[in-house]
């Protein structure tokens, strides 16, 4: 299938974006018909930054005035896309830059491998970074989940699934959505020949017994959501996708061990992890501050 720009729009959520965020948008604006920019910054982003974004063609800014979470922001953008008749939505993180003709290549490789696009729920690129430097040999793979950044979503499938799970707020939102797509019979594809630069956390390298260790250094705030949502998604889909659940729990244990060995703010992060796990067990979801009656993040 060729890249029909009349049928493909884009969506990006910004949250305290850097001053050059509009330059990232320029890397994929030519590949889509329109871009919905959802501003999740509390009180709105800096006016100078918004002015630069507004100067770009084909951009519509949707200001929430507060951080509603990535899931809600994506649902707002996808809802607009459905209402305006788009068949596909390219979803991006505000710090992601797209390679040239990324959208077209995602469709091209999918078509060349004989997949019926109507049965594909989402197509993602290979997230290439220091933690994930080895690119698989296969051009296209069916997988359990892909990252939303750089992915093209089928809006027919989006409507049928009911959209992103807003109670997760952030973290594992893309996992849960992809697993739900697969549960409903849609395919989740990763095109390994399309590479997207993507850094997970503030990556540092360390050595343990002569072996290189990649450490993400996620913030105290993120550790809470990662823990709570990881256990929720693993439990919800564990019977259908046992391999996914095992891998997520294994990764969680290794990351926690590396946190204790190499990261700063150990006590605060472990406390955040425990709070996330307890909230999962109690069935408490949504924004941390709303759950715990706070005005500041974890």
Foldseek 3Di string as FASTA:
>chain_A
DAQDQVQEEEEEEDEQDDLCLLVQVVLCPVSHQAYEYEYAYAQGYDPNSVVSNVVDPRYDYHYPNHHLFPQVRVCVVLVVSVVVRHFKYQYAYSPWHFHHCLVRVQVVVCVVVPDDVVQAFKEAEAADDPVHPDQDPDQKDFDQFDDSHRMMGGSVLCVVLVGWDSQLRDECRRNLSSNSSVVVRGTYMYGRVGYIHDQQADWDWDADPRDIDIARQHDLLVLLSNQQVLVVSCVVCCVVCVVSSVVSVVVVVVNLVCCVVPYPPNVSNVVSNVNSNVCSVVVRTGAPCVSVVHPDGD
